[in-house]
């Protein structure tokens, strides 16, 4: 029978005289022979097999009398294969499962213990659970093959993945009652640069002309490209403009339908990573912080410092009518970004139930895998709608958000 083998211990019982005579004949009918009962329970049937030592042949009969027991009173063990008890997994496949699982388990432990300690951990953590998806087929194979240890290890990794990813998924919340009827501003935010160079801004020009946002915030833009957007009419209707920075990749361009005033930027060395802007929308002042942090491949230390300083600035200046938008180079999987959220800011995409609006990498053979561009809001402002849209020529998708403002 297919399946696992189990040992069924025998239980001694005397044979009746007639039964003994039939089995062994002669004087042996008077001698209590070892009688084994083996019970096999399966969903299909119950099988009971009964036999005596002399029915097993001389060798097995001798085994009945070992360990000082009289012949005929010993225990007999018979190996039974239980039906329907798993699929035999090739050793090579089991080995491959462990090769997949051990690194994933190590990465999960590293996230809990050292967080974003180096570039590899920072980038894996930014996937926020996506990296642990291979543990699911391993768990399935372990279940099919009845591999308990492998299954428990895979289950631990899957549980870690769920613990990492669920907070973002479960962050959806109802739109505040006031936000449905209050005034709102349409925000267009984009990192327009690319690791292969965005040599043509015409795609973004057409996008801005089509969507007609009230505020445009651009990162990784050069002064020449920002001027070109203005001269070709893409920023028509957005008369208030400001450029900050020495050029791509650390240049910021902001254009607005509303009067704006740019404050002192936060810099890391010579390069700004946060540009504070005050917008006068009707009679209300809204604070907009445009962000572009360093990236882990460039410098993990600077990237972590940028996120820490953003969190500290939120704590120091408060959340009232604050919108923080841009390229954080971080996701919910990174401790520094979670620290920003823990200062009381709301992730617009997660709050509106679209946490999988991935933004990077764009315009590649693979689809966007992580969401590192965000629109966060404090009190008195709320994202009513948000979507990731095409970023022509960039390695980031752009964000279009409608931000409600409480009067």
Protein backbone atom coordinates (compact mmCIF):
# COMPACT_ATOMS: atom_id res chain seq x y z
CA UNK A 1 0.00 0.00 0.00
CA UNK A 2 1.19 3.55 -0.73
CA UNK A 3 2.05 5.97 1.98
CA UNK A 4 4.07 5.99 5.18
CA UNK A 5 5.06 2.88 7.11
CA UNK A 6 4.26 2.47 10.77
CA UNK A 7 5.14 -0.24 13.26
CA UNK A 8 2.19 -1.95 14.83
CA UNK A 9 3.03 -3.66 18.16
CA UNK A 10 1.67 -7.16 18.59
CA UNK A 11 -0.45 -8.28 21.50
CA UNK A 12 -0.24 -11.84 22.84
CA UNK A 13 -3.36 -13.90 23.23
CA UNK A 14 -3.94 -17.66 23.53
CA UNK A 15 -5.30 -19.62 20.64
CA UNK A 16 -8.25 -21.84 21.20
CA UNK A 17 -7.49 -25.54 20.98
CA UNK A 18 -9.23 -26.02 17.69
CA UNK A 19 -7.65 -22.95 16.23
CA UNK A 20 -4.22 -24.02 17.50
CA UNK A 21 -4.62 -27.49 16.04
CA UNK A 22 -5.58 -26.06 12.72
CA UNK A 23 -2.62 -23.77 12.75
CA UNK A 24 0.13 -26.00 14.10
CA UNK A 25 -1.31 -29.47 14.71
CA UNK A 26 -0.31 -32.09 17.37
CA UNK A 27 0.73 -31.07 20.87
CA UNK A 28 1.24 -27.49 19.79
CA UNK A 29 -2.50 -26.91 20.04
CA UNK A 30 -2.15 -26.89 23.80
CA UNK A 31 0.66 -24.36 23.83
CA UNK A 32 -0.33 -20.66 23.91
CA UNK A 33 1.13 -19.22 20.77
CA UNK A 34 1.95 -15.54 20.14
CA UNK A 35 -1.05 -13.94 18.47
CA UNK A 36 -0.64 -10.62 16.75
CA UNK A 37 -3.36 -8.11 16.02
CA UNK A 38 -2.58 -5.31 13.59
CA UNK A 39 -5.20 -2.64 13.03
CA UNK A 40 -5.02 -0.26 10.10
CA UNK A 41 -7.49 2.62 10.09
CA UNK A 42 -8.03 4.54 6.88
CA UNK A 43 -10.84 6.68 5.50
CA UNK A 44 -11.82 3.73 3.32
CA UNK A 45 -11.80 0.78 5.72
CA UNK A 46 -10.48 -0.79 8.90
CA UNK A 47 -8.26 -3.84 8.46
CA UNK A 48 -7.47 -6.32 11.25
CA UNK A 49 -4.86 -8.97 10.61
CA UNK A 50 -4.38 -11.87 13.06
CA UNK A 51 -1.61 -14.39 12.90
CA UNK A 52 0.46 -16.60 15.20
CA UNK A 53 4.19 -16.96 15.38
CA UNK A 54 4.25 -20.41 13.82
CA UNK A 55 2.40 -18.99 10.80
CA UNK A 56 5.31 -16.63 10.14
CA UNK A 57 7.93 -19.30 9.50
CA UNK A 58 10.76 -20.60 11.60
CA UNK A 59 12.85 -17.42 11.64
CA UNK A 60 10.02 -15.18 12.73
CA UNK A 61 8.92 -17.89 15.19
CA UNK A 62 12.37 -17.84 16.78
CA UNK A 63 12.16 -14.06 17.11
CA UNK A 64 9.06 -14.52 19.21
CA UNK A 65 11.11 -16.22 21.86
CA UNK A 66 13.97 -13.73 22.17
CA UNK A 67 14.84 -11.66 25.22
CA UNK A 68 14.17 -14.50 27.65
CA UNK A 69 10.56 -15.00 26.59
CA UNK A 70 9.21 -18.51 26.00
CA UNK A 71 8.61 -19.40 22.40
CA UNK A 72 5.15 -18.34 21.38
CA UNK A 73 4.84 -15.46 23.84
CA UNK A 74 6.98 -12.83 22.08
CA UNK A 75 5.94 -9.67 20.24
CA UNK A 76 5.80 -9.48 16.48
CA UNK A 77 6.09 -6.18 14.58
CA UNK A 78 4.80 -5.77 11.09
CA UNK A 79 5.43 -2.61 8.98
CA UNK A 80 2.31 -1.13 7.45
CA UNK A 81 2.23 1.56 4.71
CA UNK A 82 -0.72 3.86 5.28
CA UNK A 83 -2.70 4.75 2.17
CA UNK A 84 -3.07 8.37 1.04
CA UNK A 85 -0.47 9.78 3.43
CA UNK A 86 1.46 12.24 1.26
CA UNK A 87 3.49 12.54 -1.92
CA UNK A 88 7.08 11.38 -2.05
CA UNK A 89 9.23 14.45 -2.73
CA UNK A 90 12.57 13.91 -4.51
CA UNK A 91 15.53 14.73 -2.31
CA UNK A 92 16.74 17.28 -4.85
CA UNK A 93 13.42 19.13 -4.60
CA UNK A 94 13.53 19.08 -0.81
CA UNK A 95 17.06 20.45 -0.94
CA UNK A 96 15.99 23.25 -3.28
CA UNK A 97 13.16 24.11 -0.91
CA UNK A 98 15.64 24.53 1.92
CA UNK A 99 17.92 26.60 -0.33
CA UNK A 100 15.01 28.97 -0.93
CA UNK A 101 13.77 29.01 2.63
CA UNK A 102 16.96 29.50 4.64
CA UNK A 103 17.93 32.86 3.05
CA UNK A 104 14.36 34.12 3.39
CA UNK A 105 14.30 33.18 7.06
CA UNK A 106 17.66 34.91 7.55
CA UNK A 107 16.34 38.09 5.87
CA UNK A 108 13.24 38.07 8.05
CA UNK A 109 15.32 37.73 11.21
CA UNK A 110 17.70 40.45 9.99
CA UNK A 111 14.78 42.84 9.43
CA UNK A 112 13.63 42.28 13.00
CA UNK A 113 17.11 42.53 14.52
CA UNK A 114 19.12 45.06 12.49
CA UNK A 115 16.52 46.65 10.17
CA UNK A 116 17.99 48.61 7.25
CA UNK A 117 21.58 48.10 8.28
CA UNK A 118 23.02 47.91 4.76
CA UNK A 119 22.03 48.36 1.14
CA UNK A 120 20.85 44.78 0.62
CA UNK A 121 18.59 44.79 3.68
CA UNK A 122 17.24 48.25 2.87
CA UNK A 123 16.27 47.21 -0.65
CA UNK A 124 14.82 43.84 0.38
CA UNK A 125 12.86 45.48 3.19
CA UNK A 126 11.47 48.08 0.78
CA UNK A 127 9.68 45.22 -0.99
CA UNK A 128 7.71 44.89 2.27
CA UNK A 129 6.97 41.18 2.10
CA UNK A 130 7.11 40.67 -1.66
CA UNK A 131 10.53 39.04 -1.31
CA UNK A 132 9.02 36.30 0.87
CA UNK A 133 6.51 35.05 -1.71
CA UNK A 134 8.66 31.96 -2.59
CA UNK A 135 7.91 30.62 0.90
CA UNK A 136 4.31 29.92 -0.17
CA UNK A 137 5.09 27.20 -2.76
CA UNK A 138 7.58 25.70 -0.30
CA UNK A 139 4.80 25.54 2.30
CA UNK A 140 2.53 23.84 -0.25
CA UNK A 141 5.16 21.26 -1.18
CA UNK A 142 5.92 20.57 2.46
CA UNK A 143 2.22 19.93 3.07
CA UNK A 144 1.90 17.59 0.09
CA UNK A 145 4.99 15.65 1.13
CA UNK A 146 4.14 15.58 4.85
CA UNK A 147 7.48 17.25 5.62
CA UNK A 148 6.80 18.57 9.10
CA UNK A 149 10.08 20.42 9.75
CA UNK A 150 10.16 22.00 6.30
CA UNK A 151 6.52 22.95 6.65
CA UNK A 152 7.00 24.59 10.02
CA UNK A 153 9.98 26.58 8.73
CA UNK A 154 8.01 27.72 5.67
CA UNK A 155 5.04 28.60 7.86
CA UNK A 156 7.27 30.78 10.04
CA UNK A 157 8.49 32.72 7.00
CA UNK A 158 4.94 33.12 5.68
CA UNK A 159 3.82 34.36 9.09
CA UNK A 160 6.67 36.89 9.11
CA UNK A 161 5.64 38.07 5.65
CA UNK A 162 2.07 38.62 6.76
CA UNK A 163 3.22 40.50 9.86
CA UNK A 164 5.35 42.77 7.67
CA UNK A 165 2.77 43.42 4.93
CA UNK A 166 -0.59 43.48 6.71
CA UNK A 167 -0.19 46.83 8.53
CA UNK A 168 -0.02 48.64 5.18
CA UNK A 169 -2.89 46.63 3.71
CA UNK A 170 -5.05 47.20 6.81
CA UNK A 171 -4.33 50.94 6.93
CA UNK A 172 -7.38 51.76 4.79
CA UNK A 173 -9.75 54.14 6.54
CA UNK A 174 -12.88 56.07 5.82
CA UNK A 175 -12.51 59.53 4.33
CA UNK A 176 -13.11 62.16 7.02
CA UNK A 177 -16.65 63.50 6.91
CA UNK A 178 -15.53 67.04 6.21
CA UNK A 179 -13.28 65.99 3.28
CA UNK A 180 -16.10 65.00 0.97
CA UNK A 181 -17.50 68.52 0.62
CA UNK A 182 -14.53 70.77 1.37
CA UNK A 183 -12.34 72.55 -1.11
CA UNK A 184 -9.54 70.54 -2.69
CA UNK A 185 -6.30 70.92 -4.65
CA UNK A 186 -5.17 68.59 -7.40
CA UNK A 187 -1.50 67.71 -6.94
CA UNK A 188 0.80 66.24 -9.57
CA UNK A 189 4.07 64.87 -8.20
CA UNK A 190 6.79 63.16 -10.21
CA UNK A 191 10.43 62.21 -10.12
CA UNK A 192 11.16 63.05 -13.74
CA UNK A 193 14.71 61.71 -13.80
CA UNK A 194 15.94 58.31 -14.86
CA UNK A 195 18.99 56.14 -14.38
CA UNK A 196 19.30 56.14 -18.17
CA UNK A 197 18.54 59.84 -18.56
CA UNK A 198 15.26 61.57 -19.33
CA UNK A 199 16.28 63.62 -22.36
CA UNK A 200 12.80 64.61 -23.43
CA UNK A 201 10.26 66.32 -21.15
CA UNK A 202 7.55 66.39 -23.80
CA UNK A 203 5.75 63.41 -22.24
CA UNK A 204 5.43 65.18 -18.89
CA UNK A 205 4.43 68.38 -20.68
CA UNK A 206 1.51 66.62 -22.36
CA UNK A 207 0.52 64.94 -19.11
CA UNK A 208 0.44 68.21 -17.17
CA UNK A 209 -1.45 69.98 -19.96
CA UNK A 210 -4.05 67.19 -20.02
CA UNK A 211 -4.61 66.89 -16.26
CA UNK A 212 -4.37 70.58 -15.38
CA UNK A 213 -3.36 70.14 -11.72
CA UNK A 214 -3.42 73.05 -9.30
CA UNK A 215 0.08 72.26 -7.98
CA UNK A 216 2.99 70.53 -9.73
CA UNK A 217 5.95 69.23 -7.74
CA UNK A 218 8.89 67.75 -9.64
CA UNK A 219 12.05 66.06 -8.40
CA UNK A 220 15.30 65.33 -10.25
CA UNK A 221 14.65 68.14 -12.69
CA UNK A 222 17.25 70.46 -14.14
CA UNK A 223 16.76 74.24 -14.35
CA UNK A 224 16.72 74.01 -18.15
CA UNK A 225 13.99 71.36 -18.18
CA UNK A 226 11.89 73.32 -15.70
CA UNK A 227 12.21 76.45 -17.83
CA UNK A 228 11.35 74.43 -20.93
CA UNK A 229 8.09 73.23 -19.32
CA UNK A 230 7.20 76.85 -18.70
CA UNK A 231 8.11 78.13 -22.14
CA UNK A 232 6.20 75.45 -24.05
CA UNK A 233 2.97 76.19 -22.21
CA UNK A 234 2.77 73.08 -20.03
CA UNK A 235 2.72 75.25 -16.90
CA UNK A 236 0.22 77.74 -18.23
CA UNK A 237 -2.26 78.59 -15.51
CA UNK A 238 0.39 77.94 -12.86
CA UNK A 239 1.97 81.38 -12.59
CA UNK A 240 3.66 80.90 -9.22
CA UNK A 241 6.88 78.96 -9.75
CA UNK A 242 10.08 78.24 -7.92
CA UNK A 243 13.19 76.18 -8.58
CA UNK A 244 15.47 74.95 -5.79
CA UNK A 245 18.76 73.09 -6.10
CA UNK A 246 21.82 72.99 -8.25
CA UNK A 247 20.39 70.71 -10.92
CA UNK A 248 19.49 67.09 -11.52
CA UNK A 249 19.43 64.80 -9.68
CA UNK A 250 18.88 67.18 -6.75
CA UNK A 251 16.80 69.86 -8.41
CA UNK A 252 13.21 70.64 -7.36
CA UNK A 253 10.63 72.52 -9.39
CA UNK A 254 7.28 73.69 -7.98
CA UNK A 255 4.54 75.42 -9.98
CA UNK A 256 1.20 76.48 -8.51
CA UNK A 257 -2.08 78.16 -9.30
CA UNK A 258 -1.96 79.54 -5.76
CA UNK A 259 0.53 82.00 -4.29
CA UNK A 260 3.50 80.20 -2.82
CA UNK A 261 6.48 80.94 -0.67
CA UNK A 262 9.48 78.63 -0.49
CA UNK A 263 11.23 78.19 2.83
CA UNK A 264 14.70 77.06 3.71
CA UNK A 265 15.43 73.60 2.34
CA UNK A 266 16.82 70.75 4.39
CA UNK A 267 20.15 69.72 2.92
CA UNK A 268 22.46 66.76 3.24
CA UNK A 269 25.84 68.16 2.36
CA UNK A 270 25.33 70.50 -0.60
CA UNK A 271 22.17 68.78 -1.83
CA UNK A 272 18.60 69.54 -0.70
CA UNK A 273 16.30 66.64 0.11
CA UNK A 274 13.26 68.52 1.46
CA UNK A 275 11.88 71.80 0.10
CA UNK A 276 9.19 73.42 2.29
CA UNK A 277 6.55 75.42 0.44
CA UNK A 278 3.65 77.43 1.83
CA UNK A 279 0.59 77.67 -0.39
CA UNK A 280 -2.19 80.18 0.13
CA UNK A 281 -5.36 78.35 -0.94
CA UNK A 282 -8.28 80.71 -0.50
CA UNK A 283 -7.90 81.94 3.03
CA UNK A 284 -6.03 78.83 4.23
CA UNK A 285 -2.30 78.22 4.40
CA UNK A 286 -1.23 74.75 3.42
CA UNK A 287 2.29 73.49 4.02
CA UNK A 288 3.70 71.36 1.21
CA UNK A 289 7.01 69.59 1.70
CA UNK A 290 8.51 68.22 -1.51
CA UNK A 291 10.86 65.34 -0.74
CA UNK A 292 13.62 63.51 -2.55
CA UNK A 293 15.84 61.56 -0.19
CA UNK A 294 19.11 59.91 -1.03
CA UNK A 295 18.87 56.28 -2.13
CA UNK A 296 20.39 53.24 -0.37
CA UNK A 297 22.66 52.32 -3.31
CA UNK A 298 24.20 55.78 -3.10
CA UNK A 299 24.55 55.98 0.67
CA UNK A 300 22.58 54.02 3.25
CA UNK A 301 23.79 56.35 6.00
CA UNK A 302 22.60 59.50 4.20
CA UNK A 303 19.30 57.88 3.24
CA UNK A 304 18.61 56.88 6.83
CA UNK A 305 19.64 60.33 8.03
CA UNK A 306 17.28 62.02 5.53
CA UNK A 307 14.30 59.97 6.75
CA UNK A 308 15.19 60.55 10.39
CA UNK A 309 15.38 64.30 9.82
CA UNK A 310 12.00 64.35 8.06
CA UNK A 311 10.44 62.55 11.02
CA UNK A 312 12.12 64.95 13.44
CA UNK A 313 10.88 67.99 11.49
CA UNK A 314 7.31 66.70 11.57
CA UNK A 315 7.60 66.24 15.33
CA UNK A 316 9.06 69.74 15.74
CA UNK A 317 6.67 71.71 13.50
CA UNK A 318 3.44 69.76 13.90
CA UNK A 319 1.05 68.12 11.45
CA UNK A 320 -1.49 70.90 10.92
CA UNK A 321 -2.38 71.26 7.22
CA UNK A 322 0.80 69.48 6.20
CA UNK A 323 1.25 67.58 2.93
CA UNK A 324 4.50 65.70 2.36
CA UNK A 325 4.97 64.45 -1.20
CA UNK A 326 7.76 63.06 -3.29
CA UNK A 327 10.33 60.32 -3.70
CA UNK A 328 11.22 58.87 -0.30
CA UNK A 329 13.17 55.94 -1.76
CA UNK A 330 11.45 53.99 1.02
CA UNK A 331 8.29 52.04 1.73
CA UNK A 332 6.41 50.67 4.73
CA UNK A 333 9.06 47.98 4.89
CA UNK A 334 11.72 50.50 5.89
CA UNK A 335 12.02 51.58 9.51
CA UNK A 336 12.81 55.20 8.62
CA UNK A 337 9.63 55.61 6.60
CA UNK A 338 7.54 53.98 9.32
CA UNK A 339 9.05 56.46 11.76
CA UNK A 340 7.74 59.32 9.58
CA UNK A 341 4.26 57.79 9.62
CA UNK A 342 4.46 57.27 13.38
CA UNK A 343 4.69 61.06 13.79
CA UNK A 344 1.00 61.10 12.91
CA UNK A 345 1.01 61.37 9.13
CA UNK A 346 -1.40 59.38 6.95
CA UNK A 347 -0.27 57.56 3.83
CA UNK A 348 -2.75 58.68 1.18
CA UNK A 349 -2.60 55.54 -0.96
CA UNK A 350 -2.90 53.13 1.95
CA UNK A 351 -5.71 55.18 3.52
CA UNK A 352 -7.70 55.08 0.27
CA UNK A 353 -7.23 51.33 -0.01
CA UNK A 354 -4.73 51.30 -2.90
CA UNK A 355 -1.47 50.23 -1.21
CA UNK A 356 -0.35 48.38 -4.33
CA UNK A 357 -0.10 51.45 -6.56
CA UNK A 358 3.57 50.67 -7.14
CA UNK A 359 5.79 53.43 -8.49
CA UNK A 360 9.23 51.91 -9.17
CA UNK A 361 10.77 50.78 -11.46
CA UNK A 362 8.80 52.21 -14.35
CA UNK A 363 9.30 51.86 -18.09
CA UNK A 364 11.22 48.61 -17.69
CA UNK A 365 10.74 45.01 -18.77
CA UNK A 366 9.44 44.20 -15.28
CA UNK A 367 6.40 45.90 -13.72
CA UNK A 368 6.80 48.32 -10.80
CA UNK A 369 7.51 46.30 -7.66
CA UNK A 370 7.69 48.84 -4.84
CA UNK A 371 5.88 52.00 -3.75
CA UNK A 372 8.55 54.51 -2.82
CA UNK A 373 6.77 57.70 -3.96
CA UNK A 374 4.12 58.93 -1.54
CA UNK A 375 1.66 61.65 -0.61
CA UNK A 376 1.32 61.91 3.18
CA UNK A 377 -1.07 64.18 5.03
CA UNK A 378 -1.39 65.61 8.51
CA UNK A 379 -4.43 67.12 10.20
CA UNK A 380 -6.83 69.41 8.33
CA UNK A 381 -5.90 67.86 4.98
CA UNK A 382 -6.74 64.46 3.51
CA UNK A 383 -6.13 62.62 0.27
CA UNK A 384 -9.51 62.18 -1.38
CA UNK A 385 -8.18 60.28 -4.39
CA UNK A 386 -4.74 59.11 -5.52
CA UNK A 387 -3.38 57.13 -8.45
CA UNK A 388 -0.01 56.20 -9.90
CA UNK A 389 0.18 57.17 -13.56
CA UNK A 390 2.70 56.89 -16.34
CA UNK A 391 5.92 58.83 -15.89
CA UNK A 392 7.09 59.30 -19.50
CA UNK A 393 10.80 58.61 -19.78
CA UNK A 394 11.31 58.32 -16.02
CA UNK A 395 12.13 55.25 -13.94
CA UNK A 396 9.32 56.34 -11.55
CA UNK A 397 5.60 56.47 -12.06
CA UNK A 398 4.03 59.83 -11.25
CA UNK A 399 1.33 60.49 -8.64
CA UNK A 400 -1.93 62.33 -9.14
CA UNK A 401 -3.69 63.16 -5.89
CA UNK A 402 -6.72 65.21 -4.93
CA UNK A 403 -6.09 66.72 -1.51
CA UNK A 404 -9.06 68.00 0.46
CA UNK A 405 -8.45 71.05 2.68
CA UNK A 406 -10.49 71.77 5.76
CA UNK A 407 -11.50 75.43 5.84
